[in-house]
PDB file of all heavy atoms in Angstrom:
ATOM      1  N   GLY A   1       0.805  -1.215   0.000  1.00  0.00           N
ATOM      2  CA  GLY A   1       0.000   0.000   0.000  1.00  0.00           C
ATOM      3  C   GLY A   1       0.839   1.265   0.000  1.00  0.00           C
ATOM      4  O   GLY A   1       0.497   2.253  -0.660  1.00  0.00           O
ATOM      5  N   GLN A   2       1.956   1.258   0.723  1.00  0.00           N
ATOM      6  CA  GLN A   2       2.833   2.430   0.739  1.00  0.00           C
ATOM      7  C   GLN A   2       3.389   2.705  -0.648  1.00  0.00           C
ATOM      8  O   GLN A   2       3.403   3.854  -1.112  1.00  0.00           O
ATOM      9  CB  GLN A   2       3.968   2.219   1.743  1.00  0.00           C
ATOM     10  CG  GLN A   2       3.497   2.268   3.179  1.00  0.00           C
ATOM     11  CD  GLN A   2       4.539   1.784   4.181  1.00  0.00           C
ATOM     12  OE1 GLN A   2       5.375   0.942   3.894  1.00  0.00           O
ATOM     13  NE2 GLN A   2       4.454   2.326   5.394  1.00  0.00           N
ATOM     14  N   LYS A   3       3.837   1.663  -1.323  1.00  0.00           N
ATOM     15  CA  LYS A   3       4.373   1.829  -2.687  1.00  0.00           C
ATOM     16  C   LYS A   3       3.270   2.216  -3.658  1.00  0.00           C
ATOM     17  O   LYS A   3       3.472   3.036  -4.553  1.00  0.00           O
ATOM     18  CB  LYS A   3       5.055   0.542  -3.155  1.00  0.00           C
ATOM     19  CG  LYS A   3       6.243   0.134  -2.332  1.00  0.00           C
ATOM     20  CD  LYS A   3       7.361   1.135  -2.443  1.00  0.00           C
ATOM     21  CE  LYS A   3       8.574   0.693  -1.641  1.00  0.00           C
ATOM     22  NZ  LYS A   3       9.586   1.733  -1.541  1.00  0.00           N
ATOM     23  N   LEU A   4       2.088   1.628  -3.494  1.00  0.00           N
ATOM     24  CA  LEU A   4       0.966   1.931  -4.379  1.00  0.00           C
ATOM     25  C   LEU A   4       0.565   3.399  -4.260  1.00  0.00           C
ATOM     26  O   LEU A   4       0.331   4.068  -5.276  1.00  0.00           O
ATOM     27  CB  LEU A   4      -0.221   1.022  -4.052  1.00  0.00           C
ATOM     28  CG  LEU A   4      -1.467   1.202  -4.908  1.00  0.00           C
ATOM     29  CD1 LEU A   4      -1.174   0.884  -6.370  1.00  0.00           C
ATOM     30  CD2 LEU A   4      -2.599   0.328  -4.379  1.00  0.00           C
ATOM     31  N   ALA A   5       0.479   3.898  -3.041  1.00  0.00           N
ATOM     32  CA  ALA A   5       0.121   5.309  -2.847  1.00  0.00           C
ATOM     33  C   ALA A   5       1.141   6.221  -3.532  1.00  0.00           C
ATOM     34  O   ALA A   5       0.762   7.233  -4.138  1.00  0.00           O
ATOM     35  CB  ALA A   5       0.018   5.632  -1.357  1.00  0.00           C
ATOM     36  N   GLU A   6       2.416   5.858  -3.476  1.00  0.00           N
ATOM     37  CA  GLU A   6       3.450   6.642  -4.174  1.00  0.00           C
ATOM     38  C   GLU A   6       3.213   6.612  -5.684  1.00  0.00           C
ATOM     39  O   GLU A   6       3.260   7.652  -6.344  1.00  0.00           O
ATOM     40  CB  GLU A   6       4.847   6.074  -3.881  1.00  0.00           C
ATOM     41  CG  GLU A   6       5.364   6.323  -2.497  1.00  0.00           C
ATOM     42  CD  GLU A   6       6.701   5.625  -2.256  1.00  0.00           C
ATOM     43  OE1 GLU A   6       7.430   5.342  -3.234  1.00  0.00           O
ATOM     44  OE2 GLU A   6       7.011   5.349  -1.083  1.00  0.00           O
ATOM     45  N   LEU A   7       2.972   5.421  -6.212  1.00  0.00           N
ATOM     46  CA  LEU A   7       2.801   5.277  -7.664  1.00  0.00           C
ATOM     47  C   LEU A   7       1.565   6.002  -8.184  1.00  0.00           C
ATOM     48  O   LEU A   7       1.566   6.505  -9.307  1.00  0.00           O
ATOM     49  CB  LEU A   7       2.717   3.798  -8.042  1.00  0.00           C
ATOM     50  CG  LEU A   7       3.994   2.979  -7.869  1.00  0.00           C
ATOM     51  CD1 LEU A   7       3.708   1.487  -8.027  1.00  0.00           C
ATOM     52  CD2 LEU A   7       5.051   3.433  -8.873  1.00  0.00           C
ATOM     53  N   LEU A   8       0.508   6.044  -7.384  1.00  0.00           N
ATOM     54  CA  LEU A   8      -0.746   6.653  -7.828  1.00  0.00           C
ATOM     55  C   LEU A   8      -0.907   8.097  -7.347  1.00  0.00           C
ATOM     56  O   LEU A   8      -1.917   8.727  -7.619  1.00  0.00           O
ATOM     57  CB  LEU A   8      -1.935   5.823  -7.327  1.00  0.00           C
ATOM     58  CG  LEU A   8      -2.036   4.396  -7.850  1.00  0.00           C
ATOM     59  CD1 LEU A   8      -3.217   3.680  -7.211  1.00  0.00           C
ATOM     60  CD2 LEU A   8      -2.152   4.376  -9.376  1.00  0.00           C
ATOM     61  N   ASN A   9       0.115   8.608  -6.629  1.00  0.00           N
ATOM     62  CA  ASN A   9       0.015   9.943  -6.026  1.00  0.00           C
ATOM     63  C   ASN A   9      -1.253  10.052  -5.182  1.00  0.00           C
ATOM     64  O   ASN A   9      -2.008  11.012  -5.289  1.00  0.00           O
ATOM     65  CB  ASN A   9       0.047  11.038  -7.100  1.00  0.00           C
ATOM     66  CG  ASN A   9       1.371  11.096  -7.801  1.00  0.00           C
ATOM     67  OD1 ASN A   9       2.422  11.033  -7.171  1.00  0.00           O
ATOM     68  ND2 ASN A   9       1.336  11.178  -9.118  1.00  0.00           N
ATOM     69  N   GLY A  10      -1.448   9.037  -4.355  1.00  0.00           N
ATOM     70  CA  GLY A  10      -2.657   8.980  -3.540  1.00  0.00           C
ATOM     71  C   GLY A  10      -2.355   9.014  -2.069  1.00  0.00           C
ATOM     72  O   GLY A  10      -1.235   9.282  -1.636  1.00  0.00           O
ATOM     73  N   ARG A  11      -3.374   8.724  -1.293  1.00  0.00           N
ATOM     74  CA  ARG A  11      -3.274   8.671   0.154  1.00  0.00           C
ATOM     75  C   ARG A  11      -3.477   7.232   0.597  1.00  0.00           C
ATOM     76  O   ARG A  11      -4.287   6.506   0.027  1.00  0.00           O
ATOM     77  CB  ARG A  11      -4.350   9.543   0.805  1.00  0.00           C
ATOM     78  CG  ARG A  11      -4.319  11.001   0.401  1.00  0.00           C
ATOM     79  CD  ARG A  11      -3.118  11.724   1.011  1.00  0.00           C
ATOM     80  NE  ARG A  11      -3.091  13.102   0.630  1.00  0.00           N
ATOM     81  CZ  ARG A  11      -3.574  14.110   1.357  1.00  0.00           C
ATOM     82  NH1 ARG A  11      -4.130  13.873   2.523  1.00  0.00           N
ATOM     83  NH2 ARG A  11      -3.502  15.338   0.925  1.00  0.00           N
ATOM     84  N   LEU A  12      -2.760   6.840   1.630  1.00  0.00           N
ATOM     85  CA  LEU A  12      -2.877   5.493   2.183  1.00  0.00           C
ATOM     86  C   LEU A  12      -3.469   5.566   3.581  1.00  0.00           C
ATOM     87  O   LEU A  12      -2.992   6.331   4.430  1.00  0.00           O
ATOM     88  CB  LEU A  12      -1.508   4.809   2.254  1.00  0.00           C
ATOM     89  CG  LEU A  12      -1.484   3.451   2.970  1.00  0.00           C
ATOM     90  CD1 LEU A  12      -2.306   2.411   2.199  1.00  0.00           C
ATOM     91  CD2 LEU A  12      -0.066   2.978   3.181  1.00  0.00           C
ATOM     92  N   VAL A  13      -4.501   4.767   3.808  1.00  0.00           N
ATOM     93  CA  VAL A  13      -5.073   4.615   5.141  1.00  0.00           C
ATOM     94  C   VAL A  13      -4.913   3.142   5.503  1.00  0.00           C
ATOM     95  O   VAL A  13      -5.627   2.279   4.990  1.00  0.00           O
ATOM     96  CB  VAL A  13      -6.556   5.033   5.187  1.00  0.00           C
ATOM     97  CG1 VAL A  13      -7.101   4.867   6.601  1.00  0.00           C
ATOM     98  CG2 VAL A  13      -6.735   6.461   4.695  1.00  0.00           C
ATOM     99  N   ASP A  14      -3.949   2.851   6.353  1.00  0.00           N
ATOM    100  CA  ASP A  14      -3.686   1.485   6.795  1.00  0.00           C
ATOM    101  C   ASP A  14      -4.687   1.123   7.883  1.00  0.00           C
ATOM    102  O   ASP A  14      -5.001   1.947   8.748  1.00  0.00           O
ATOM    103  CB  ASP A  14      -2.253   1.401   7.322  1.00  0.00           C
ATOM    104  CG  ASP A  14      -1.917   0.059   7.925  1.00  0.00           C
ATOM    105  OD1 ASP A  14      -2.172  -0.974   7.272  1.00  0.00           O
ATOM    106  OD2 ASP A  14      -1.404   0.037   9.059  1.00  0.00           O
ATOM    107  N   ASN A  15      -5.179  -0.112   7.862  1.00  0.00           N
ATOM    108  CA  ASN A  15      -6.165  -0.521   8.860  1.00  0.00           C
ATOM    109  C   ASN A  15      -5.658  -0.323  10.287  1.00  0.00           C
ATOM    110  O   ASN A  15      -6.430   0.014  11.183  1.00  0.00           O
ATOM    111  CB  ASN A  15      -6.642  -1.961   8.635  1.00  0.00           C
ATOM    112  CG  ASN A  15      -5.537  -2.984   8.658  1.00  0.00           C
ATOM    113  OD1 ASN A  15      -4.435  -2.752   8.151  1.00  0.00           O
ATOM    114  ND2 ASN A  15      -5.820  -4.140   9.205  1.00  0.00           N
ATOM    115  N   HIS A  16      -4.367  -0.467  10.529  1.00  0.00           N
ATOM    116  CA  HIS A  16      -3.854  -0.284  11.892  1.00  0.00           C
ATOM    117  C   HIS A  16      -3.846   1.185  12.313  1.00  0.00           C
ATOM    118  O   HIS A  16      -3.905   1.490  13.497  1.00  0.00           O
ATOM    119  CB  HIS A  16      -2.486  -0.933  12.062  1.00  0.00           C
ATOM    120  CG  HIS A  16      -2.594  -2.416  12.189  1.00  0.00           C
ATOM    121  ND1 HIS A  16      -2.823  -3.041  13.387  1.00  0.00           N
ATOM    122  CD2 HIS A  16      -2.578  -3.393  11.257  1.00  0.00           C
ATOM    123  CE1 HIS A  16      -2.927  -4.336  13.201  1.00  0.00           C
ATOM    124  NE2 HIS A  16      -2.787  -4.575  11.912  1.00  0.00           N
ATOM    125  N   THR A  17      -3.802   2.083  11.349  1.00  0.00           N
ATOM    126  CA  THR A  17      -3.945   3.499  11.672  1.00  0.00           C
ATOM    127  C   THR A  17      -5.296   3.730  12.336  1.00  0.00           C
ATOM    128  O   THR A  17      -5.414   4.507  13.284  1.00  0.00           O
ATOM    129  CB  THR A  17      -3.838   4.360  10.401  1.00  0.00           C
ATOM    130  OG1 THR A  17      -2.566   4.124   9.798  1.00  0.00           O
ATOM    131  CG2 THR A  17      -3.998   5.835  10.698  1.00  0.00           C
ATOM    132  N   LEU A  18      -6.311   3.019  11.851  1.00  0.00           N
ATOM    133  CA  LEU A  18      -7.664   3.176  12.395  1.00  0.00           C
ATOM    134  C   LEU A  18      -7.885   2.346  13.650  1.00  0.00           C
ATOM    135  O   LEU A  18      -8.654   2.737  14.522  1.00  0.00           O
ATOM    136  CB  LEU A  18      -8.697   2.786  11.331  1.00  0.00           C
ATOM    137  CG  LEU A  18      -8.647   3.585  10.026  1.00  0.00           C
ATOM    138  CD1 LEU A  18      -9.709   3.090   9.064  1.00  0.00           C
ATOM    139  CD2 LEU A  18      -8.813   5.073  10.289  1.00  0.00           C
ATOM    140  N   TRP A  19      -7.254   1.199  13.747  1.00  0.00           N
ATOM    141  CA  TRP A  19      -7.536   0.265  14.845  1.00  0.00           C
ATOM    142  C   TRP A  19      -6.629   0.456  16.067  1.00  0.00           C
ATOM    143  O   TRP A  19      -6.971   0.026  17.161  1.00  0.00           O
ATOM    144  CB  TRP A  19      -7.405  -1.170  14.350  1.00  0.00           C
ATOM    145  CG  TRP A  19      -8.481  -1.593  13.399  1.00  0.00           C
ATOM    146  CD1 TRP A  19      -8.854  -0.984  12.235  1.00  0.00           C
ATOM    147  CD2 TRP A  19      -9.316  -2.738  13.528  1.00  0.00           C
ATOM    148  NE1 TRP A  19      -9.867  -1.678  11.635  1.00  0.00           N
ATOM    149  CE2 TRP A  19     -10.168  -2.768  12.406  1.00  0.00           C
ATOM    150  CE3 TRP A  19      -9.418  -3.744  14.475  1.00  0.00           C
ATOM    151  CZ2 TRP A  19     -11.119  -3.755  12.216  1.00  0.00           C
ATOM    152  CZ3 TRP A  19     -10.363  -4.737  14.280  1.00  0.00           C
ATOM    153  CH2 TRP A  19     -11.208  -4.730  13.164  1.00  0.00           C
ATOM    154  N   ASN A  20      -5.464   1.083  15.908  1.00  0.00           N
ATOM    155  CA  ASN A  20      -4.499   1.132  17.012  1.00  0.00           C
ATOM    156  C   ASN A  20      -4.992   1.877  18.241  1.00  0.00           C
ATOM    157  O   ASN A  20      -4.602   1.547  19.362  1.00  0.00           O
ATOM    158  CB  ASN A  20      -3.158   1.686  16.542  1.00  0.00           C
ATOM    159  CG  ASN A  20      -2.317   0.615  15.889  1.00  0.00           C
ATOM    160  OD1 ASN A  20      -2.590  -0.572  15.999  1.00  0.00           O
ATOM    161  ND2 ASN A  20      -1.287   1.040  15.174  1.00  0.00           N
ATOM    162  N   LEU A  21      -5.836   2.875  18.066  1.00  0.00           N
ATOM    163  CA  LEU A  21      -6.376   3.567  19.237  1.00  0.00           C
ATOM    164  C   LEU A  21      -7.199   2.603  20.090  1.00  0.00           C
ATOM    165  O   LEU A  21      -7.082   2.590  21.314  1.00  0.00           O
ATOM    166  CB  LEU A  21      -7.226   4.765  18.794  1.00  0.00           C
ATOM    167  CG  LEU A  21      -7.652   5.716  19.900  1.00  0.00           C
ATOM    168  CD1 LEU A  21      -6.446   6.366  20.577  1.00  0.00           C
ATOM    169  CD2 LEU A  21      -8.578   6.781  19.337  1.00  0.00           C
ATOM    170  N   ALA A  22      -7.987   1.774  19.437  1.00  0.00           N
ATOM    171  CA  ALA A  22      -8.775   0.773  20.171  1.00  0.00           C
ATOM    172  C   ALA A  22      -7.864  -0.247  20.843  1.00  0.00           C
ATOM    173  O   ALA A  22      -8.087  -0.618  22.002  1.00  0.00           O
ATOM    174  CB  ALA A  22      -9.763   0.085  19.238  1.00  0.00           C
ATOM    175  N   PHE A  23      -6.818  -0.701  20.130  1.00  0.00           N
ATOM    176  CA  PHE A  23      -5.886  -1.658  20.723  1.00  0.00           C
ATOM    177  C   PHE A  23      -5.182  -1.052  21.944  1.00  0.00           C
ATOM    178  O   PHE A  23      -4.950  -1.740  22.933  1.00  0.00           O
ATOM    179  CB  PHE A  23      -4.828  -2.111  19.707  1.00  0.00           C
ATOM    180  CG  PHE A  23      -5.317  -3.096  18.697  1.00  0.00           C
ATOM    181  CD1 PHE A  23      -5.142  -2.856  17.348  1.00  0.00           C
ATOM    182  CD2 PHE A  23      -5.944  -4.278  19.073  1.00  0.00           C
ATOM    183  CE1 PHE A  23      -5.587  -3.771  16.400  1.00  0.00           C
ATOM    184  CE2 PHE A  23      -6.391  -5.190  18.142  1.00  0.00           C
ATOM    185  CZ  PHE A  23      -6.214  -4.936  16.802  1.00  0.00           C
ATOM    186  N   ALA A  24      -4.864   0.238  21.875  1.00  0.00           N
ATOM    187  CA  ALA A  24      -4.111   0.873  22.957  1.00  0.00           C
ATOM    188  C   ALA A  24      -4.968   1.180  24.184  1.00  0.00           C
ATOM    189  O   ALA A  24      -4.477   1.105  25.308  1.00  0.00           O
ATOM    190  CB  ALA A  24      -3.467   2.166  22.448  1.00  0.00           C
ATOM    191  N   LEU A  25      -6.233   1.511  23.986  1.00  0.00           N
ATOM    192  CA  LEU A  25      -7.009   2.073  25.095  1.00  0.00           C
ATOM    193  C   LEU A  25      -8.220   1.249  25.534  1.00  0.00           C
ATOM    194  O   LEU A  25      -8.891   1.640  26.492  1.00  0.00           O
ATOM    195  CB  LEU A  25      -7.478   3.486  24.717  1.00  0.00           C
ATOM    196  CG  LEU A  25      -6.337   4.474  24.429  1.00  0.00           C
ATOM    197  CD1 LEU A  25      -6.896   5.805  23.963  1.00  0.00           C
ATOM    198  CD2 LEU A  25      -5.460   4.655  25.660  1.00  0.00           C
ATOM    199  N   THR A  26      -8.494   0.152  24.859  1.00  0.00           N
ATOM    200  CA  THR A  26      -9.637  -0.675  25.255  1.00  0.00           C
ATOM    201  C   THR A  26      -9.228  -2.144  25.249  1.00  0.00           C
ATOM    202  O   THR A  26      -8.170  -2.496  24.727  1.00  0.00           O
ATOM    203  CB  THR A  26     -10.834  -0.481  24.291  1.00  0.00           C
ATOM    204  OG1 THR A  26     -10.476  -0.968  22.998  1.00  0.00           O
ATOM    205  CG2 THR A  26     -11.243   0.974  24.198  1.00  0.00           C
ATOM    206  N   GLU A  27     -10.074  -2.961  25.822  1.00  0.00           N
ATOM    207  CA  GLU A  27      -9.827  -4.404  25.786  1.00  0.00           C
ATOM    208  C   GLU A  27     -10.351  -4.951  24.460  1.00  0.00           C
ATOM    209  O   GLU A  27     -11.481  -4.650  24.056  1.00  0.00           O
ATOM    210  CB  GLU A  27     -10.526  -5.096  26.955  1.00  0.00           C
ATOM    211  CG  GLU A  27      -9.974  -4.710  28.312  1.00  0.00           C
ATOM    212  CD  GLU A  27      -8.501  -5.040  28.468  1.00  0.00           C
ATOM    213  OE1 GLU A  27      -8.075  -6.139  28.038  1.00  0.00           O
ATOM    214  OE2 GLU A  27      -7.751  -4.200  29.002  1.00  0.00           O
ATOM    215  N   ARG A  28      -9.547  -5.769  23.826  1.00  0.00           N
ATOM    216  CA  ARG A  28      -9.897  -6.332  22.524  1.00  0.00           C
ATOM    217  C   ARG A  28     -11.237  -7.069  22.580  1.00  0.00           C
ATOM    218  O   ARG A  28     -11.522  -7.775  23.533  1.00  0.00           O
ATOM    219  CB  ARG A  28      -8.775  -7.282  22.085  1.00  0.00           C
ATOM    220  CG  ARG A  28      -8.926  -7.774  20.678  1.00  0.00           C
ATOM    221  CD  ARG A  28      -7.741  -8.680  20.333  1.00  0.00           C
ATOM    222  NE  ARG A  28      -8.051  -9.414  19.136  1.00  0.00           N
ATOM    223  CZ  ARG A  28      -7.525  -9.162  17.948  1.00  0.00           C
ATOM    224  NH1 ARG A  28      -6.632  -8.205  17.839  1.00  0.00           N
ATOM    225  NH2 ARG A  28      -7.858  -9.877  16.904  1.00  0.00           N
ATOM    226  N   LYS A  29     -12.032  -6.855  21.548  1.00  0.00           N
ATOM    227  CA  LYS A  29     -13.313  -7.529  21.327  1.00  0.00           C
ATOM    228  C   LYS A  29     -14.383  -7.190  22.365  1.00  0.00           C
ATOM    229  O   LYS A  29     -15.322  -7.943  22.553  1.00  0.00           O
ATOM    230  CB  LYS A  29     -13.134  -9.038  21.200  1.00  0.00           C
ATOM    231  CG  LYS A  29     -12.290  -9.438  20.001  1.00  0.00           C
ATOM    232  CD  LYS A  29     -12.259 -10.925  19.808  1.00  0.00           C
ATOM    233  CE  LYS A  29     -11.440 -11.272  18.561  1.00  0.00           C
ATOM    234  NZ  LYS A  29     -11.453 -12.680  18.268  1.00  0.00           N
ATOM    235  N   THR A  30     -14.244  -6.050  23.026  1.00  0.00           N
ATOM    236  CA  THR A  30     -15.283  -5.573  23.939  1.00  0.00           C
ATOM    237  C   THR A  30     -16.137  -4.552  23.190  1.00  0.00           C
ATOM    238  O   THR A  30     -15.718  -4.034  22.143  1.00  0.00           O
ATOM    239  CB  THR A  30     -14.677  -4.908  25.188  1.00  0.00           C
ATOM    240  OG1 THR A  30     -13.935  -3.741  24.760  1.00  0.00           O
ATOM    241  CG2 THR A  30     -13.764  -5.860  25.951  1.00  0.00           C
ATOM    242  N   PRO A  31     -17.314  -4.214  23.723  1.00  0.00           N
ATOM    243  CA  PRO A  31     -18.108  -3.159  23.073  1.00  0.00           C
ATOM    244  C   PRO A  31     -17.323  -1.850  22.919  1.00  0.00           C
ATOM    245  O   PRO A  31     -17.439  -1.173  21.890  1.00  0.00           O
ATOM    246  CB  PRO A  31     -19.311  -3.000  24.012  1.00  0.00           C
ATOM    247  CG  PRO A  31     -19.478  -4.372  24.612  1.00  0.00           C
ATOM    248  CD  PRO A  31     -18.070  -4.871  24.812  1.00  0.00           C
ATOM    249  N   ALA A  32     -16.514  -1.486  23.923  1.00  0.00           N
ATOM    250  CA  ALA A  32     -15.720  -0.256  23.839  1.00  0.00           C
ATOM    251  C   ALA A  32     -14.700  -0.345  22.703  1.00  0.00           C
ATOM    252  O   ALA A  32     -14.432   0.653  22.017  1.00  0.00           O
ATOM    253  CB  ALA A  32     -15.010   0.017  25.161  1.00  0.00           C
ATOM    254  N   PHE A  33     -14.118  -1.510  22.485  1.00  0.00           N
ATOM    255  CA  PHE A  33     -13.159  -1.727  21.401  1.00  0.00           C
ATOM    256  C   PHE A  33     -13.823  -1.435  20.056  1.00  0.00           C
ATOM    257  O   PHE A  33     -13.318  -0.644  19.251  1.00  0.00           O
ATOM    258  CB  PHE A  33     -12.663  -3.173  21.473  1.00  0.00           C
ATOM    259  CG  PHE A  33     -11.724  -3.586  20.377  1.00  0.00           C
ATOM    260  CD1 PHE A  33     -10.378  -3.268  20.448  1.00  0.00           C
ATOM    261  CD2 PHE A  33     -12.179  -4.314  19.283  1.00  0.00           C
ATOM    262  CE1 PHE A  33      -9.498  -3.660  19.446  1.00  0.00           C
ATOM    263  CE2 PHE A  33     -11.309  -4.715  18.287  1.00  0.00           C
ATOM    264  CZ  PHE A  33      -9.956  -4.387  18.365  1.00  0.00           C
ATOM    265  N   TYR A  34     -14.966  -2.054  19.828  1.00  0.00           N
ATOM    266  CA  TYR A  34     -15.644  -1.882  18.538  1.00  0.00           C
ATOM    267  C   TYR A  34     -16.174  -0.465  18.359  1.00  0.00           C
ATOM    268  O   TYR A  34     -16.107   0.094  17.256  1.00  0.00           O
ATOM    269  CB  TYR A  34     -16.764  -2.911  18.383  1.00  0.00           C
ATOM    270  CG  TYR A  34     -16.228  -4.318  18.270  1.00  0.00           C
ATOM    271  CD1 TYR A  34     -16.535  -5.288  19.216  1.00  0.00           C
ATOM    272  CD2 TYR A  34     -15.392  -4.675  17.215  1.00  0.00           C
ATOM    273  CE1 TYR A  34     -16.037  -6.577  19.115  1.00  0.00           C
ATOM    274  CE2 TYR A  34     -14.882  -5.955  17.099  1.00  0.00           C
ATOM    275  CZ  TYR A  34     -15.207  -6.904  18.045  1.00  0.00           C
ATOM    276  OH  TYR A  34     -14.699  -8.179  17.947  1.00  0.00           O
ATOM    277  N   GLU A  35     -16.666   0.138  19.433  1.00  0.00           N
ATOM    278  CA  GLU A  35     -17.177   1.508  19.308  1.00  0.00           C
ATOM    279  C   GLU A  35     -16.041   2.485  19.027  1.00  0.00           C
ATOM    280  O   GLU A  35     -16.216   3.457  18.283  1.00  0.00           O
ATOM    281  CB  GLU A  35     -17.951   1.931  20.556  1.00  0.00           C
ATOM    282  CG  GLU A  35     -18.665   3.257  20.392  1.00  0.00           C
ATOM    283  CD  GLU A  35     -19.547   3.345  19.138  1.00  0.00           C
ATOM    284  OE1 GLU A  35     -20.203   2.347  18.755  1.00  0.00           O
ATOM    285  OE2 GLU A  35     -19.560   4.437  18.518  1.00  0.00           O
ATOM    286  N   THR A  36     -14.862   2.248  19.601  1.00  0.00           N
ATOM    287  CA  THR A  36     -13.699   3.101  19.311  1.00  0.00           C
ATOM    288  C   THR A  36     -13.346   3.012  17.836  1.00  0.00           C
ATOM    289  O   THR A  36     -13.116   4.035  17.180  1.00  0.00           O
ATOM    290  CB  THR A  36     -12.496   2.698  20.194  1.00  0.00           C
ATOM    291  OG1 THR A  36     -12.865   2.831  21.564  1.00  0.00           O
ATOM    292  CG2 THR A  36     -11.281   3.561  19.902  1.00  0.00           C
TER     293      THR A  36
END
């Protein structure tokens, strides 16, 4: 994805960019995890 974004002059949104806040601040697979 990093190389693809360079080739297409685009933006990359990695799934861990979106999920890491939940991993850091909530318990995995809890309602708070999914809502985060």
